Amino acid sequence: MSMIAFLALSANLGVAVLLYAFRSGGASMHSVWLCSRNDAIGNLLVLLAAWGVLQQVWPDLVVAGLMGTLGLTAALSVVR
């Protein structure tokens, strides 16, 4: 899980950096940038959860809550 999350983080972070300049464009460009950014954050959270789950079970629940919040805030931003 950690290896795949690290590879996905690398890819998503690279895409988010490339799209950063276009984040204030139209709704589509803003949405694409938010999705790339949220994917990179989600990959980072999965890495942290993978490390934390060795200790206890609750990191998975925290990561799920954070990723849900990221998705909802991005959706509200695009709708506005």
N, C-alpha and C. Protein backbone atom coordinates (compact mmCIF):
# COMPACT_ATOMS: atom_id res chain seq x y z
N MET A 1 0.83 -1.18 0.00
CA MET A 1 0.00 0.00 0.00
C MET A 1 0.88 1.25 0.00
N SER A 2 1.94 1.23 0.77
CA SER A 2 2.82 2.40 0.85
C SER A 2 3.54 2.68 -0.46
N MET A 3 3.99 1.63 -1.13
CA MET A 3 4.73 1.80 -2.39
C MET A 3 3.83 2.42 -3.47
N ILE A 4 2.63 1.90 -3.61
CA ILE A 4 1.70 2.43 -4.61
C ILE A 4 1.30 3.85 -4.26
N ALA A 5 1.06 4.13 -2.97
CA ALA A 5 0.69 5.48 -2.55
C ALA A 5 1.84 6.46 -2.84
N PHE A 6 3.07 6.03 -2.66
CA PHE A 6 4.21 6.89 -2.95
C PHE A 6 4.32 7.18 -4.46
N LEU A 7 4.14 6.16 -5.29
CA LEU A 7 4.18 6.36 -6.74
C LEU A 7 3.04 7.27 -7.20
N ALA A 8 1.86 7.04 -6.65
CA ALA A 8 0.71 7.88 -7.01
C ALA A 8 0.91 9.31 -6.53
N LEU A 9 1.50 9.49 -5.35
CA LEU A 9 1.79 10.83 -4.84
C LEU A 9 2.74 11.56 -5.78
N SER A 10 3.76 10.87 -6.24
CA SER A 10 4.72 11.48 -7.16
C SER A 10 4.04 11.95 -8.44
N ALA A 11 3.20 11.10 -9.01
CA ALA A 11 2.50 11.45 -10.25
C ALA A 11 1.50 12.59 -10.03
N ASN A 12 0.69 12.48 -9.00
CA ASN A 12 -0.34 13.49 -8.75
C ASN A 12 0.27 14.83 -8.34
N LEU A 13 1.35 14.80 -7.59
CA LEU A 13 2.01 16.04 -7.21
C LEU A 13 2.61 16.72 -8.44
N GLY A 14 3.19 15.95 -9.34
CA GLY A 14 3.72 16.51 -10.58
C GLY A 14 2.64 17.17 -11.42
N VAL A 15 1.49 16.51 -11.54
CA VAL A 15 0.38 17.07 -12.31
C VAL A 15 -0.15 18.33 -11.62
N ALA A 16 -0.29 18.30 -10.30
CA ALA A 16 -0.79 19.47 -9.57
C ALA A 16 0.15 20.67 -9.75
N VAL A 17 1.44 20.42 -9.75
CA VAL A 17 2.41 21.51 -9.95
C VAL A 17 2.26 22.09 -11.36
N LEU A 18 2.09 21.23 -12.36
CA LEU A 18 1.91 21.71 -13.73
C LEU A 18 0.62 22.52 -13.89
N LEU A 19 -0.43 22.13 -13.19
CA LEU A 19 -1.72 22.80 -13.32
C LEU A 19 -1.87 24.02 -12.42
N TYR A 20 -0.94 24.23 -11.52
CA TYR A 20 -1.03 25.32 -10.54
C TYR A 20 -1.25 26.68 -11.22
N ALA A 21 -0.59 26.92 -12.32
CA ALA A 21 -0.70 28.21 -13.02
C ALA A 21 -2.10 28.44 -13.59
N PHE A 22 -2.85 27.36 -13.80
CA PHE A 22 -4.18 27.47 -14.42
C PHE A 22 -5.31 27.34 -13.41
N ARG A 23 -5.00 27.37 -12.12
CA ARG A 23 -6.00 27.12 -11.09
C ARG A 23 -7.09 28.18 -11.03
N SER A 24 -6.81 29.38 -11.51
CA SER A 24 -7.83 30.43 -11.46
C SER A 24 -8.51 30.64 -12.81
N GLY A 25 -8.40 29.66 -13.69
CA GLY A 25 -9.06 29.74 -14.99
C GLY A 25 -10.55 29.49 -14.86
N GLY A 26 -11.15 28.96 -15.88
CA GLY A 26 -12.58 28.67 -15.86
C GLY A 26 -12.90 27.56 -14.88
N ALA A 27 -14.18 27.23 -14.78
CA ALA A 27 -14.63 26.21 -13.83
C ALA A 27 -13.98 24.86 -14.11
N SER A 28 -13.79 24.51 -15.37
CA SER A 28 -13.19 23.22 -15.70
C SER A 28 -11.73 23.15 -15.26
N MET A 29 -10.97 24.20 -15.54
CA MET A 29 -9.56 24.21 -15.14
C MET A 29 -9.43 24.24 -13.62
N HIS A 30 -10.28 25.01 -12.98
CA HIS A 30 -10.25 25.06 -11.51
C HIS A 30 -10.57 23.69 -10.93
N SER A 31 -11.55 23.02 -11.51
CA SER A 31 -11.94 21.69 -11.06
C SER A 31 -10.82 20.67 -11.25
N VAL A 32 -10.17 20.71 -12.41
CA VAL A 32 -9.08 19.77 -12.68
C VAL A 32 -7.93 19.99 -11.70
N TRP A 33 -7.61 21.26 -11.43
CA TRP A 33 -6.53 21.53 -10.49
C TRP A 33 -6.91 21.06 -9.08
N LEU A 34 -8.15 21.32 -8.67
CA LEU A 34 -8.58 20.88 -7.34
C LEU A 34 -8.54 19.36 -7.22
N CYS A 35 -8.96 18.66 -8.27
CA CYS A 35 -8.93 17.20 -8.24
C CYS A 35 -7.50 16.68 -8.14
N SER A 36 -6.58 17.27 -8.88
CA SER A 36 -5.17 16.85 -8.83
C SER A 36 -4.57 17.14 -7.46
N ARG A 37 -4.88 18.32 -6.94
CA ARG A 37 -4.38 18.68 -5.61
C ARG A 37 -4.93 17.73 -4.56
N ASN A 38 -6.25 17.46 -4.63
CA ASN A 38 -6.87 16.56 -3.66
C ASN A 38 -6.34 15.14 -3.77
N ASP A 39 -6.06 14.70 -4.99
CA ASP A 39 -5.47 13.36 -5.16
C ASP A 39 -4.10 13.29 -4.49
N ALA A 40 -3.28 14.33 -4.67
CA ALA A 40 -1.95 14.34 -4.05
C ALA A 40 -2.07 14.35 -2.53
N ILE A 41 -2.99 15.15 -2.00
CA ILE A 41 -3.21 15.18 -0.55
C ILE A 41 -3.71 13.82 -0.08
N GLY A 42 -4.62 13.22 -0.83
CA GLY A 42 -5.12 11.90 -0.48
C GLY A 42 -4.03 10.85 -0.46
N ASN A 43 -3.12 10.90 -1.43
CA ASN A 43 -1.99 9.96 -1.44
C ASN A 43 -1.10 10.14 -0.22
N LEU A 44 -0.86 11.39 0.14
CA LEU A 44 -0.06 11.67 1.34
C LEU A 44 -0.77 11.13 2.58
N LEU A 45 -2.07 11.32 2.66
CA LEU A 45 -2.83 10.82 3.80
C LEU A 45 -2.82 9.29 3.85
N VAL A 46 -2.87 8.64 2.70
CA VAL A 46 -2.80 7.17 2.67
C VAL A 46 -1.45 6.71 3.18
N LEU A 47 -0.38 7.41 2.80
CA LEU A 47 0.95 7.06 3.32
C LEU A 47 0.99 7.19 4.84
N LEU A 48 0.42 8.27 5.35
CA LEU A 48 0.39 8.46 6.80
C LEU A 48 -0.47 7.40 7.49
N ALA A 49 -1.59 7.05 6.88
CA ALA A 49 -2.46 6.02 7.45
C ALA A 49 -1.77 4.66 7.43
N ALA A 50 -1.04 4.38 6.36
CA ALA A 50 -0.33 3.09 6.27
C ALA A 50 0.69 2.98 7.39
N TRP A 51 1.35 4.08 7.69
CA TRP A 51 2.31 4.08 8.78
C TRP A 51 1.58 3.99 10.13
N GLY A 52 0.49 4.76 10.26
CA GLY A 52 -0.23 4.81 11.52
C GLY A 52 -1.00 3.55 11.85
N VAL A 53 -1.45 2.83 10.83
CA VAL A 53 -2.25 1.63 11.07
C VAL A 53 -1.39 0.52 11.70
N LEU A 54 -0.09 0.64 11.60
CA LEU A 54 0.77 -0.32 12.28
C LEU A 54 0.61 -0.19 13.80
N GLN A 55 0.25 1.00 14.24
CA GLN A 55 0.09 1.26 15.67
C GLN A 55 -1.35 0.98 16.13
N GLN A 56 -2.33 1.55 15.42
CA GLN A 56 -3.74 1.44 15.80
C GLN A 56 -4.61 1.46 14.55
N VAL A 57 -5.91 1.26 14.73
CA VAL A 57 -6.84 1.19 13.60
C VAL A 57 -7.39 2.56 13.21
N TRP A 58 -7.47 3.50 14.11
CA TRP A 58 -8.15 4.78 13.87
C TRP A 58 -7.57 5.64 12.76
N PRO A 59 -6.29 5.55 12.35
CA PRO A 59 -5.83 6.41 11.25
C PRO A 59 -6.63 6.26 9.97
N ASP A 60 -7.14 5.06 9.68
CA ASP A 60 -7.97 4.87 8.48
C ASP A 60 -9.23 5.72 8.55
N LEU A 61 -9.85 5.79 9.71
CA LEU A 61 -11.07 6.58 9.87
C LEU A 61 -10.79 8.08 9.73
N VAL A 62 -9.68 8.52 10.27
CA VAL A 62 -9.31 9.93 10.17
C VAL A 62 -9.05 10.30 8.71
N VAL A 63 -8.31 9.46 8.00
CA VAL A 63 -8.00 9.72 6.59
C VAL A 63 -9.28 9.73 5.76
N ALA A 64 -10.20 8.82 6.03
CA ALA A 64 -11.47 8.79 5.29
C ALA A 64 -12.25 10.08 5.52
N GLY A 65 -12.27 10.57 6.75
CA GLY A 65 -12.96 11.82 7.05
C GLY A 65 -12.31 13.02 6.37
N LEU A 66 -10.99 13.06 6.39
CA LEU A 66 -10.27 14.17 5.75
C LEU A 66 -10.47 14.16 4.23
N MET A 67 -10.43 12.98 3.62
CA MET A 67 -10.61 12.90 2.17
C MET A 67 -12.04 13.27 1.78
N GLY A 68 -13.01 12.89 2.60
CA GLY A 68 -14.39 13.29 2.33
C GLY A 68 -14.56 14.80 2.42
N THR A 69 -13.91 15.40 3.41
CA THR A 69 -13.96 16.86 3.57
C THR A 69 -13.30 17.56 2.39
N LEU A 70 -12.17 17.03 1.92
CA LEU A 70 -11.50 17.61 0.75
C LEU A 70 -12.42 17.60 -0.47
N GLY A 71 -13.08 16.48 -0.69
CA GLY A 71 -13.98 16.36 -1.84
C GLY A 71 -15.15 17.33 -1.76
N LEU A 72 -15.73 17.45 -0.58
CA LEU A 72 -16.87 18.35 -0.42
C LEU A 72 -16.47 19.81 -0.57
N THR A 73 -15.33 20.20 0.00
CA THR A 73 -14.91 21.60 -0.12
C THR A 73 -14.54 21.95 -1.56
N ALA A 74 -13.94 21.01 -2.27
CA ALA A 74 -13.61 21.25 -3.69
C ALA A 74 -14.89 21.39 -4.51
N ALA A 75 -15.87 20.54 -4.23
CA ALA A 75 -17.13 20.62 -4.97
C ALA A 75 -17.83 21.96 -4.72
N LEU A 76 -17.84 22.40 -3.48
CA LEU A 76 -18.45 23.71 -3.18
C LEU A 76 -17.71 24.85 -3.86
N SER A 77 -16.39 24.75 -3.92
CA SER A 77 -15.59 25.78 -4.58
C SER A 77 -15.92 25.88 -6.07
N VAL A 78 -16.07 24.74 -6.73
CA VAL A 78 -16.37 24.73 -8.16
C VAL A 78 -17.80 25.23 -8.40
N VAL A 79 -18.73 24.84 -7.55
CA VAL A 79 -20.11 25.28 -7.71
C VAL A 79 -20.22 26.79 -7.56
N ARG A 80 -19.47 27.35 -6.60
CA ARG A 80 -19.49 28.81 -6.42
C ARG A 80 -18.94 29.50 -7.63
